[in-house]
Amino acid sequence: MQNDYINMMFGANSPLSFLSIFGTLLMTFVLTFIYVFVYQRTFSGFSYSRTFLQSLILGSIVCAGLVMAVGDSLARGLGVMGTLTIIRFRTLVRDPRDAMFLFACLGTGIACGAGMITIAIAMAIIFNGIALLLYAAPFVSRRNYEGMLRFTTAKDAVVKDAVDRLLMMMCESYTLVSMRNAVQGELLEYSYQIKLRDASYQKDLIKQMSEIEGISEPLLVMQRSTVEI
């Protein structure tokens, strides 16, 4: 009975070999890299954070290492828990989808560290397969033609009606995001979030915006899924 308590507190497993540890961490990296690749391919937005992608891989490796270090020792587990309470993570995850990828990568690291390689592989295949399926599904908005339109006008220029007519003709939807003073208050800068009806309208939109009297420096930035701004 006493030996059972000792084994529960300090663990009964023999130390892992170097090759076993190296293989587990390498498998964790490979599986997590698949998550990162799928995340990048299915990302929708103006920019993604490279540091977030790196954190997915590094965080999973840390989890795998911690699980292997703890093993079945309650004492080591409490020690790791106490250490983690000292470290405060204040980084906000803005998108729930990002949180799911982060959770999946950490779960993969935990599964690999616990020796459940089959579970880790199955989870990676199913999770990333479903992520690709959802990205390609017709009911998911892929926002292929979304962008940000910016231009400046003089404060006394009346251009809103002309801009509205042009945007209604070329865009499925558009929203005025901001309007602020520019050039020490002499000009107004407008920013619109737009969704074009067709990708070929990009050049035509800028050309016709330039022809509207009172508008200067029209700029259209289309969303790209693999560019960090």
Protein backbone atom coordinates (compact mmCIF):
# COMPACT_ATOMS: atom_id res chain seq x y z
CA MET A 1 0.00 0.00 0.00
CA GLN A 2 2.82 2.37 0.87
CA ASN A 3 4.49 1.68 -2.45
CA ASP A 4 1.26 2.57 -4.25
CA TYR A 5 1.23 6.02 -2.63
CA ILE A 6 4.89 6.53 -3.45
CA ASN A 7 4.31 5.54 -7.08
CA MET A 8 1.33 7.89 -7.30
CA MET A 9 3.35 10.82 -5.92
CA PHE A 10 6.63 10.31 -7.73
CA GLY A 11 5.73 8.02 -10.64
CA ALA A 12 6.61 4.44 -11.32
CA ASN A 13 7.65 4.65 -14.96
CA SER A 14 11.30 4.32 -15.92
CA PRO A 15 12.92 7.36 -17.59
CA LEU A 16 12.24 7.73 -21.30
CA SER A 17 15.07 7.18 -23.73
CA PHE A 18 16.50 10.04 -25.75
CA LEU A 19 15.30 8.52 -29.03
CA SER A 20 11.78 8.17 -27.66
CA ILE A 21 11.71 11.80 -26.53
CA PHE A 22 13.21 13.03 -29.81
CA GLY A 23 10.73 10.97 -31.86
CA THR A 24 7.77 12.26 -29.86
CA LEU A 25 8.78 15.91 -30.25
CA LEU A 26 9.48 15.40 -33.95
CA MET A 27 6.05 13.81 -34.45
CA THR A 28 4.49 16.73 -32.58
CA PHE A 29 6.22 19.17 -34.91
CA VAL A 30 5.12 17.32 -38.06
CA LEU A 31 1.48 17.09 -36.97
CA THR A 32 1.35 20.70 -35.82
CA PHE A 33 2.93 21.86 -39.08
CA ILE A 34 -0.08 20.34 -40.85
CA TYR A 35 -2.36 22.51 -38.71
CA VAL A 36 -0.32 25.59 -39.59
CA PHE A 37 -0.40 24.77 -43.31
CA VAL A 38 -4.18 24.28 -43.29
CA TYR A 39 -4.67 27.45 -41.22
CA GLN A 40 -2.67 29.46 -43.74
CA ARG A 41 -4.50 27.98 -46.73
CA THR A 42 -7.96 28.58 -45.25
CA PHE A 43 -7.29 31.97 -43.66
CA SER A 44 -9.67 34.75 -44.68
CA GLY A 45 -8.72 38.31 -43.89
CA PHE A 46 -6.31 41.11 -44.69
CA SER A 47 -3.36 39.69 -42.78
CA TYR A 48 -2.40 36.89 -40.44
CA SER A 49 0.19 36.94 -37.69
CA ARG A 50 3.35 34.95 -38.34
CA THR A 51 4.07 34.94 -34.62
CA PHE A 52 0.71 33.22 -34.04
CA LEU A 53 1.65 30.46 -36.48
CA GLN A 54 5.00 30.02 -34.79
CA SER A 55 3.26 29.92 -31.40
CA LEU A 56 1.06 27.05 -32.57
CA ILE A 57 4.10 24.90 -33.28
CA LEU A 58 6.19 25.96 -30.30
CA GLY A 59 3.27 25.69 -27.88
CA SER A 60 2.48 22.13 -28.95
CA ILE A 61 6.13 21.09 -28.50
CA VAL A 62 6.16 22.62 -25.02
CA CYS A 63 2.97 20.73 -24.11
CA ALA A 64 4.44 17.45 -25.35
CA GLY A 65 7.61 18.00 -23.36
CA LEU A 66 5.71 18.89 -20.19
CA VAL A 67 3.47 15.83 -20.43
CA MET A 68 6.49 13.57 -20.89
CA ALA A 69 8.26 15.26 -17.98
CA VAL A 70 5.25 14.89 -15.67
CA GLY A 71 4.45 11.30 -16.64
CA ASP A 72 2.23 9.77 -13.96
CA SER A 73 3.86 11.68 -11.10
CA LEU A 74 1.44 13.77 -9.05
CA ALA A 75 4.30 15.70 -7.46
CA ARG A 76 5.75 16.75 -10.83
CA GLY A 77 2.29 17.64 -12.08
CA LEU A 78 1.71 19.95 -9.11
CA GLY A 79 5.12 21.48 -9.67
CA VAL A 80 4.34 22.23 -13.31
CA MET A 81 0.95 23.67 -12.33
CA GLY A 82 2.60 25.94 -9.79
CA THR A 83 5.12 27.12 -12.35
CA LEU A 84 2.45 27.91 -14.92
CA THR A 85 0.47 29.99 -12.43
CA ILE A 86 3.47 32.33 -12.18
CA ILE A 87 3.46 32.93 -15.96
CA ARG A 88 0.68 35.20 -17.16
CA PHE A 89 -0.41 35.07 -20.79
CA ARG A 90 -2.19 38.28 -21.76
CA THR A 91 -2.31 37.82 -25.53
CA LEU A 92 -5.87 38.09 -26.82
CA VAL A 93 -7.09 35.68 -29.48
CA ARG A 94 -9.38 37.82 -31.63
CA ASP A 95 -10.98 35.13 -33.77
CA PRO A 96 -12.76 32.07 -32.26
CA ARG A 97 -11.40 30.06 -35.20
CA ASP A 98 -7.85 30.96 -34.15
CA ALA A 99 -8.66 29.74 -30.65
CA MET A 100 -9.82 26.38 -32.05
CA PHE A 101 -6.59 25.93 -33.99
CA LEU A 102 -4.58 26.87 -30.90
CA PHE A 103 -6.54 24.42 -28.76
CA ALA A 104 -6.17 21.66 -31.37
CA CYS A 105 -2.39 22.14 -31.58
CA LEU A 106 -1.99 22.10 -27.81
CA GLY A 107 -4.19 19.00 -27.65
CA THR A 108 -2.00 17.33 -30.25
CA GLY A 109 1.08 18.10 -28.17
CA ILE A 110 -0.56 16.66 -25.07
CA ALA A 111 -1.61 13.51 -26.92
CA CYS A 112 1.89 13.00 -28.33
CA GLY A 113 3.51 13.59 -24.95
CA ALA A 114 1.18 11.06 -23.35
CA GLY A 115 2.14 8.46 -25.94
CA MET A 116 -1.26 8.53 -27.66
CA ILE A 117 0.22 8.98 -31.14
CA THR A 118 -2.74 7.29 -32.84
CA ILE A 119 -5.15 9.77 -31.26
CA ALA A 120 -2.92 12.69 -32.25
CA ILE A 121 -2.73 11.53 -35.88
CA ALA A 122 -6.47 10.84 -36.08
CA MET A 123 -7.29 14.25 -34.61
CA ALA A 124 -4.95 16.00 -37.04
CA ILE A 125 -6.50 14.24 -40.04
CA ILE A 126 -10.12 14.77 -38.99
CA PHE A 127 -9.70 18.36 -37.76
CA ASN A 128 -7.77 19.62 -40.78
CA GLY A 129 -9.96 17.67 -43.19
CA ILE A 130 -13.07 19.31 -41.75
CA ALA A 131 -11.37 22.73 -41.80
CA LEU A 132 -10.68 22.33 -45.52
CA LEU A 133 -14.21 21.10 -46.14
CA LEU A 134 -15.72 24.09 -44.34
CA TYR A 135 -13.48 26.45 -46.28
CA ALA A 136 -14.67 25.00 -49.59
CA ALA A 137 -18.33 24.68 -48.56
CA PRO A 138 -20.68 26.85 -50.64
CA PHE A 139 -22.47 28.24 -47.58
CA VAL A 140 -19.23 29.71 -46.18
CA SER A 141 -18.41 33.27 -47.26
CA ARG A 142 -14.87 33.19 -48.63
CA ARG A 143 -14.72 36.96 -49.24
CA ASN A 144 -12.66 36.64 -52.40
CA TYR A 145 -13.41 40.15 -53.60
CA GLU A 146 -13.37 42.15 -50.36
CA GLY A 147 -11.12 45.14 -49.95
CA MET A 148 -10.55 48.56 -48.44
CA LEU A 149 -11.17 51.67 -50.55
CA ARG A 150 -9.60 54.95 -49.48
CA PHE A 151 -9.72 58.41 -51.06
CA THR A 152 -9.44 62.07 -50.06
CA THR A 153 -11.61 65.05 -50.88
CA ALA A 154 -11.73 68.73 -50.08
CA LYS A 155 -13.91 69.58 -47.11
CA ASP A 156 -16.35 71.56 -49.24
CA ALA A 157 -16.57 68.93 -52.01
CA VAL A 158 -19.92 67.19 -52.49
CA VAL A 159 -19.01 63.72 -53.69
CA LYS A 160 -21.03 61.35 -51.51
CA ASP A 161 -23.88 60.86 -54.00
CA ALA A 162 -21.49 60.16 -56.89
CA VAL A 163 -19.48 57.71 -54.79
CA ASP A 164 -22.64 55.94 -53.63
CA ARG A 165 -23.86 55.50 -57.19
CA LEU A 166 -20.53 54.08 -58.32
CA LEU A 167 -20.25 51.69 -55.37
CA MET A 168 -23.83 50.49 -55.80
CA MET A 169 -23.05 49.67 -59.43
CA MET A 170 -19.79 47.78 -58.82
CA CYS A 171 -20.13 46.37 -55.29
CA GLU A 172 -22.34 43.77 -53.68
CA SER A 173 -21.99 45.68 -50.43
CA TYR A 174 -20.05 48.61 -49.02
CA THR A 175 -19.74 50.27 -45.63
CA LEU A 176 -18.20 53.57 -44.60
CA VAL A 177 -15.60 52.54 -42.02
CA SER A 178 -14.04 55.88 -41.15
CA MET A 179 -13.92 59.54 -42.12
CA ARG A 180 -11.11 61.68 -40.70
CA ASN A 181 -9.23 64.91 -41.28
CA ALA A 182 -6.08 64.78 -43.39
CA VAL A 183 -3.31 67.23 -44.33
CA GLN A 184 -3.76 69.29 -41.16
CA GLY A 185 -7.52 69.42 -41.55
CA GLU A 186 -7.60 70.73 -45.10
CA LEU A 187 -8.88 67.44 -46.58
CA LEU A 188 -11.17 64.58 -45.55
CA GLU A 189 -10.06 60.97 -45.91
CA TYR A 190 -12.77 58.34 -46.43
CA SER A 191 -12.32 54.61 -45.87
CA TYR A 192 -14.87 52.10 -47.21
CA GLN A 193 -15.03 48.34 -46.67
CA ILE A 194 -16.30 47.00 -49.99
CA LYS A 195 -17.12 43.70 -51.66
CA LEU A 196 -16.84 43.81 -55.45
CA ARG A 197 -19.29 41.99 -57.68
CA ASP A 198 -16.38 40.72 -59.78
CA ALA A 199 -12.59 40.79 -59.45
CA SER A 200 -12.28 42.48 -62.86
CA TYR A 201 -13.92 45.62 -61.42
CA GLN A 202 -10.78 46.61 -59.51
CA LYS A 203 -9.18 48.73 -62.25
CA ASP A 204 -12.52 50.13 -63.42
CA LEU A 205 -13.41 51.23 -59.90
CA ILE A 206 -10.16 53.15 -59.43
CA LYS A 207 -10.43 54.69 -62.90
CA GLN A 208 -13.98 55.91 -62.39
CA MET A 209 -13.21 57.11 -58.87
CA SER A 210 -10.41 59.26 -60.31
CA GLU A 211 -12.86 60.79 -62.81
CA ILE A 212 -15.19 62.03 -60.07
CA GLU A 213 -14.54 65.74 -59.53
CA GLY A 214 -13.21 66.49 -56.05
CA ILE A 215 -11.73 63.04 -55.36
CA SER A 216 -7.97 62.57 -55.23
CA GLU A 217 -5.61 59.67 -54.52
CA PRO A 218 -8.10 56.77 -54.66
CA LEU A 219 -6.54 53.59 -53.30
CA LEU A 220 -8.00 50.07 -53.33
CA VAL A 221 -6.37 47.34 -51.20
CA MET A 222 -7.83 43.91 -51.85
CA GLN A 223 -7.70 41.22 -49.19
CA ARG A 224 -5.03 38.56 -49.62
CA SER A 225 -4.96 35.40 -47.55
CA THR A 226 -1.17 34.99 -47.47
CA VAL A 227 0.10 38.55 -47.02
CA GLU A 228 1.04 40.04 -43.67
CA ILE A 229 0.48 43.80 -43.52
